[in-house]
N, C-alpha and C. Protein backbone atom coordinates (compact mmCIF):
# COMPACT_ATOMS: atom_id res chain seq x y z
N MET A 1 26.51 10.08 -15.86
CA MET A 1 26.87 10.39 -14.41
C MET A 1 27.06 11.88 -14.31
N ALA A 2 26.56 12.43 -13.15
CA ALA A 2 26.60 13.78 -12.86
C ALA A 2 28.14 14.26 -12.63
N ASN A 3 28.44 15.43 -13.01
CA ASN A 3 29.82 15.99 -12.68
C ASN A 3 29.83 16.97 -11.49
N ILE A 4 28.74 17.60 -11.29
CA ILE A 4 28.66 18.65 -10.24
C ILE A 4 28.36 17.92 -8.95
N LYS A 5 29.02 18.53 -7.83
CA LYS A 5 29.03 17.80 -6.54
C LYS A 5 27.56 17.79 -6.06
N SER A 6 26.82 18.78 -6.09
CA SER A 6 25.41 18.71 -5.66
C SER A 6 24.48 17.66 -6.48
N ALA A 7 24.82 17.58 -7.77
CA ALA A 7 24.00 16.59 -8.59
C ALA A 7 24.51 15.16 -8.25
N ILE A 8 25.74 14.95 -7.81
CA ILE A 8 26.16 13.60 -7.41
C ILE A 8 25.48 13.30 -6.14
N LYS A 9 25.36 14.15 -5.15
CA LYS A 9 24.75 13.96 -3.98
C LYS A 9 23.27 13.65 -4.17
N ARG A 10 22.63 14.45 -5.15
CA ARG A 10 21.24 14.28 -5.39
C ARG A 10 20.95 12.87 -5.95
N ALA A 11 21.79 12.40 -6.82
CA ALA A 11 21.66 11.08 -7.37
C ALA A 11 21.81 10.03 -6.33
N ARG A 12 22.70 10.17 -5.43
CA ARG A 12 22.91 9.33 -4.33
C ARG A 12 21.60 9.25 -3.42
N GLN A 13 21.03 10.44 -3.15
CA GLN A 13 19.82 10.51 -2.31
C GLN A 13 18.64 9.90 -3.04
N ASN A 14 18.58 10.11 -4.33
CA ASN A 14 17.39 9.53 -5.15
C ASN A 14 17.46 8.00 -5.14
N LYS A 15 18.69 7.46 -5.21
CA LYS A 15 18.78 5.96 -5.12
C LYS A 15 18.24 5.50 -3.85
N LYS A 16 18.67 6.12 -2.69
CA LYS A 16 18.26 5.73 -1.38
C LYS A 16 16.78 5.81 -1.22
N LEU A 17 16.21 6.92 -1.75
CA LEU A 17 14.73 7.17 -1.60
C LEU A 17 13.96 6.15 -2.48
N ARG A 18 14.49 5.80 -3.70
CA ARG A 18 13.85 4.87 -4.49
C ARG A 18 13.73 3.51 -3.84
N LEU A 19 14.74 3.05 -3.22
CA LEU A 19 14.75 1.80 -2.53
C LEU A 19 13.77 1.76 -1.35
N HIS A 20 13.73 2.91 -0.61
CA HIS A 20 12.83 3.03 0.54
C HIS A 20 11.42 2.97 -0.03
N ASN A 21 11.04 3.71 -1.05
CA ASN A 21 9.74 3.77 -1.68
C ASN A 21 9.31 2.43 -2.22
N ALA A 22 10.27 1.69 -2.80
CA ALA A 22 10.03 0.37 -3.29
C ALA A 22 9.61 -0.63 -2.17
N SER A 23 10.26 -0.51 -1.09
CA SER A 23 10.01 -1.27 0.10
C SER A 23 8.59 -0.96 0.68
N GLN A 24 8.30 0.32 0.72
CA GLN A 24 6.97 0.72 1.21
C GLN A 24 5.86 0.17 0.30
N ARG A 25 6.09 0.35 -0.95
CA ARG A 25 5.19 -0.04 -2.08
C ARG A 25 4.89 -1.55 -1.98
N SER A 26 6.05 -2.34 -1.72
CA SER A 26 5.90 -3.80 -1.65
C SER A 26 5.06 -4.20 -0.43
N THR A 27 5.31 -3.59 0.70
CA THR A 27 4.52 -3.88 1.90
C THR A 27 3.10 -3.53 1.69
N PHE A 28 2.78 -2.41 0.98
CA PHE A 28 1.39 -2.07 0.73
C PHE A 28 0.68 -3.08 -0.11
N ARG A 29 1.50 -3.49 -1.17
CA ARG A 29 0.84 -4.50 -2.06
C ARG A 29 0.64 -5.88 -1.43
N THR A 30 1.54 -6.26 -0.54
CA THR A 30 1.52 -7.55 0.22
C THR A 30 0.22 -7.53 1.05
N HIS A 31 -0.03 -6.45 1.70
CA HIS A 31 -1.24 -6.45 2.64
C HIS A 31 -2.50 -6.51 1.80
N ILE A 32 -2.52 -5.91 0.61
CA ILE A 32 -3.75 -5.93 -0.23
C ILE A 32 -3.90 -7.28 -0.70
N LYS A 33 -2.87 -8.09 -1.12
CA LYS A 33 -2.97 -9.45 -1.48
C LYS A 33 -3.42 -10.37 -0.40
N LYS A 34 -2.97 -10.03 0.90
CA LYS A 34 -3.50 -10.88 1.92
C LYS A 34 -5.01 -10.68 2.15
N ILE A 35 -5.51 -9.51 2.07
CA ILE A 35 -6.95 -9.24 2.15
C ILE A 35 -7.69 -9.93 1.03
N MET A 36 -7.20 -9.87 -0.20
CA MET A 36 -7.84 -10.43 -1.38
C MET A 36 -7.92 -11.91 -1.24
N SER A 37 -6.84 -12.55 -0.74
CA SER A 37 -6.80 -13.99 -0.56
C SER A 37 -7.78 -14.42 0.48
N ALA A 38 -7.94 -13.62 1.54
CA ALA A 38 -8.96 -13.95 2.58
C ALA A 38 -10.34 -13.82 2.07
N ILE A 39 -10.57 -12.88 1.24
CA ILE A 39 -11.93 -12.75 0.53
C ILE A 39 -12.18 -13.87 -0.38
N GLU A 40 -11.19 -14.26 -1.16
CA GLU A 40 -11.35 -15.43 -2.06
C GLU A 40 -11.68 -16.69 -1.35
N ASN A 41 -11.03 -16.79 -0.19
CA ASN A 41 -11.33 -17.98 0.66
C ASN A 41 -12.59 -17.87 1.56
N LYS A 42 -13.28 -16.78 1.37
CA LYS A 42 -14.49 -16.47 2.10
C LYS A 42 -14.25 -16.55 3.63
N ASP A 43 -13.07 -16.05 4.04
CA ASP A 43 -12.81 -15.89 5.51
C ASP A 43 -13.12 -14.49 5.94
N TYR A 44 -14.35 -14.26 6.47
CA TYR A 44 -14.72 -12.91 6.77
C TYR A 44 -13.81 -12.34 7.94
N GLN A 45 -13.55 -13.14 8.92
CA GLN A 45 -12.82 -12.61 10.19
C GLN A 45 -11.46 -12.30 9.75
N LYS A 46 -10.72 -13.08 8.97
CA LYS A 46 -9.36 -12.82 8.57
C LYS A 46 -9.34 -11.55 7.65
N ALA A 47 -10.30 -11.42 6.81
CA ALA A 47 -10.35 -10.31 5.92
C ALA A 47 -10.48 -9.01 6.69
N THR A 48 -11.42 -9.01 7.71
CA THR A 48 -11.63 -7.77 8.44
C THR A 48 -10.42 -7.30 9.26
N ASP A 49 -9.79 -8.44 9.81
CA ASP A 49 -8.60 -8.19 10.68
C ASP A 49 -7.43 -7.53 9.77
N GLU A 50 -7.24 -8.14 8.68
CA GLU A 50 -6.22 -7.70 7.71
C GLU A 50 -6.46 -6.25 7.16
N PHE A 51 -7.85 -6.02 7.02
CA PHE A 51 -8.24 -4.70 6.52
C PHE A 51 -7.94 -3.61 7.56
N LYS A 52 -8.26 -3.94 8.87
CA LYS A 52 -7.93 -2.97 9.96
C LYS A 52 -6.42 -2.70 10.03
N ILE A 53 -5.58 -3.67 9.80
CA ILE A 53 -4.19 -3.51 9.87
C ILE A 53 -3.71 -2.73 8.66
N SER A 54 -4.21 -3.04 7.55
CA SER A 54 -3.69 -2.45 6.32
C SER A 54 -4.21 -0.94 5.96
N GLN A 55 -5.24 -0.56 6.73
CA GLN A 55 -5.69 0.87 6.60
C GLN A 55 -4.55 1.85 6.99
N SER A 56 -3.86 1.52 8.06
CA SER A 56 -2.91 2.48 8.52
C SER A 56 -1.75 2.42 7.54
N ILE A 57 -1.41 1.14 7.12
CA ILE A 57 -0.27 1.10 6.12
C ILE A 57 -0.63 1.86 4.82
N ILE A 58 -1.88 1.78 4.31
CA ILE A 58 -2.26 2.52 3.12
C ILE A 58 -2.13 4.00 3.44
N ASP A 59 -2.56 4.50 4.56
CA ASP A 59 -2.50 5.90 4.82
C ASP A 59 -1.04 6.38 4.97
N LYS A 60 -0.13 5.53 5.51
CA LYS A 60 1.23 5.86 5.62
C LYS A 60 1.88 5.99 4.26
N VAL A 61 1.53 5.09 3.34
CA VAL A 61 2.10 5.18 1.95
C VAL A 61 1.56 6.54 1.28
N VAL A 62 0.36 6.84 1.50
CA VAL A 62 -0.15 8.11 0.95
C VAL A 62 0.59 9.34 1.54
N SER A 63 0.83 9.31 2.80
CA SER A 63 1.51 10.46 3.37
C SER A 63 2.98 10.53 2.98
N HIS A 64 3.59 9.47 2.52
CA HIS A 64 4.88 9.56 1.96
C HIS A 64 4.90 9.96 0.51
N GLY A 65 3.67 9.98 -0.01
CA GLY A 65 3.60 10.39 -1.51
C GLY A 65 3.90 9.23 -2.55
N ILE A 66 3.80 8.05 -2.00
CA ILE A 66 4.04 6.90 -2.99
C ILE A 66 2.83 6.59 -3.80
N ILE A 67 1.64 6.70 -3.30
CA ILE A 67 0.48 6.71 -4.10
C ILE A 67 -0.40 7.95 -3.86
N HIS A 68 -1.37 8.13 -4.74
CA HIS A 68 -2.13 9.31 -4.63
C HIS A 68 -3.31 8.98 -3.62
N ILE A 69 -3.81 10.03 -2.86
CA ILE A 69 -4.83 9.82 -1.86
C ILE A 69 -6.12 9.28 -2.48
N ASN A 70 -6.43 9.71 -3.74
CA ASN A 70 -7.72 9.11 -4.34
C ASN A 70 -7.54 7.66 -4.68
N LYS A 71 -6.38 7.25 -5.07
CA LYS A 71 -6.13 5.83 -5.35
C LYS A 71 -6.30 5.07 -3.93
N ALA A 72 -5.79 5.49 -2.95
CA ALA A 72 -5.91 4.85 -1.63
C ALA A 72 -7.47 4.80 -1.20
N SER A 73 -8.13 5.93 -1.37
CA SER A 73 -9.58 5.91 -1.09
C SER A 73 -10.31 4.82 -1.92
N ARG A 74 -10.00 4.86 -3.23
CA ARG A 74 -10.71 3.85 -4.05
C ARG A 74 -10.36 2.40 -3.67
N ILE A 75 -9.10 2.20 -3.28
CA ILE A 75 -8.68 0.79 -2.95
C ILE A 75 -9.43 0.38 -1.58
N LYS A 76 -9.38 1.25 -0.61
CA LYS A 76 -10.15 1.03 0.66
C LYS A 76 -11.62 0.80 0.45
N SER A 77 -12.24 1.64 -0.32
CA SER A 77 -13.64 1.48 -0.64
C SER A 77 -13.99 0.16 -1.23
N ARG A 78 -13.22 -0.19 -2.27
CA ARG A 78 -13.50 -1.48 -3.05
C ARG A 78 -13.35 -2.73 -2.08
N ILE A 79 -12.28 -2.68 -1.28
CA ILE A 79 -12.02 -3.76 -0.38
C ILE A 79 -13.09 -3.83 0.65
N ASN A 80 -13.55 -2.74 1.20
CA ASN A 80 -14.65 -2.69 2.14
C ASN A 80 -15.94 -3.14 1.58
N SER A 81 -16.19 -2.80 0.32
CA SER A 81 -17.51 -3.32 -0.33
C SER A 81 -17.36 -4.83 -0.45
N LYS A 82 -16.20 -5.37 -0.82
CA LYS A 82 -16.15 -6.79 -1.06
C LYS A 82 -16.23 -7.51 0.30
N ILE A 83 -15.76 -6.92 1.36
CA ILE A 83 -15.85 -7.46 2.71
C ILE A 83 -17.32 -7.53 3.06
N LYS A 84 -18.02 -6.48 2.84
CA LYS A 84 -19.44 -6.42 3.17
C LYS A 84 -20.25 -7.43 2.49
N GLN A 85 -19.93 -7.56 1.16
CA GLN A 85 -20.64 -8.60 0.37
C GLN A 85 -20.32 -9.98 0.92
N LEU A 86 -19.16 -10.18 1.32
CA LEU A 86 -18.73 -11.48 1.87
C LEU A 86 -19.55 -11.77 3.10
N HIS A 87 -19.82 -10.75 4.03
CA HIS A 87 -20.55 -10.90 5.27
C HIS A 87 -22.00 -11.21 5.07
N THR A 88 -22.62 -10.58 3.92
CA THR A 88 -23.93 -10.79 3.69
C THR A 88 -24.37 -12.16 3.10
N THR A 89 -23.35 -12.75 2.40
CA THR A 89 -23.59 -14.05 1.82
C THR A 89 -23.32 -15.22 2.69
């Protein structure tokens, strides 16, 4: 445990930030799982609707620094290609 007043405050802030980041990361992962389950069920309409909603959530997570922008781009690209494959079949 920290002894200096500023270190104690920083530890308290870090705990609060960690909980907030965990909540944001959980929401992000939940939306990805919803899209993937719609793709597995071959439900094109639900997958596209979920993808439209989750794009803003993914961008918000990136802006808060929870995931890297390249990872977000990679995830969005892969999901989009899976949805396109679903539409063509």
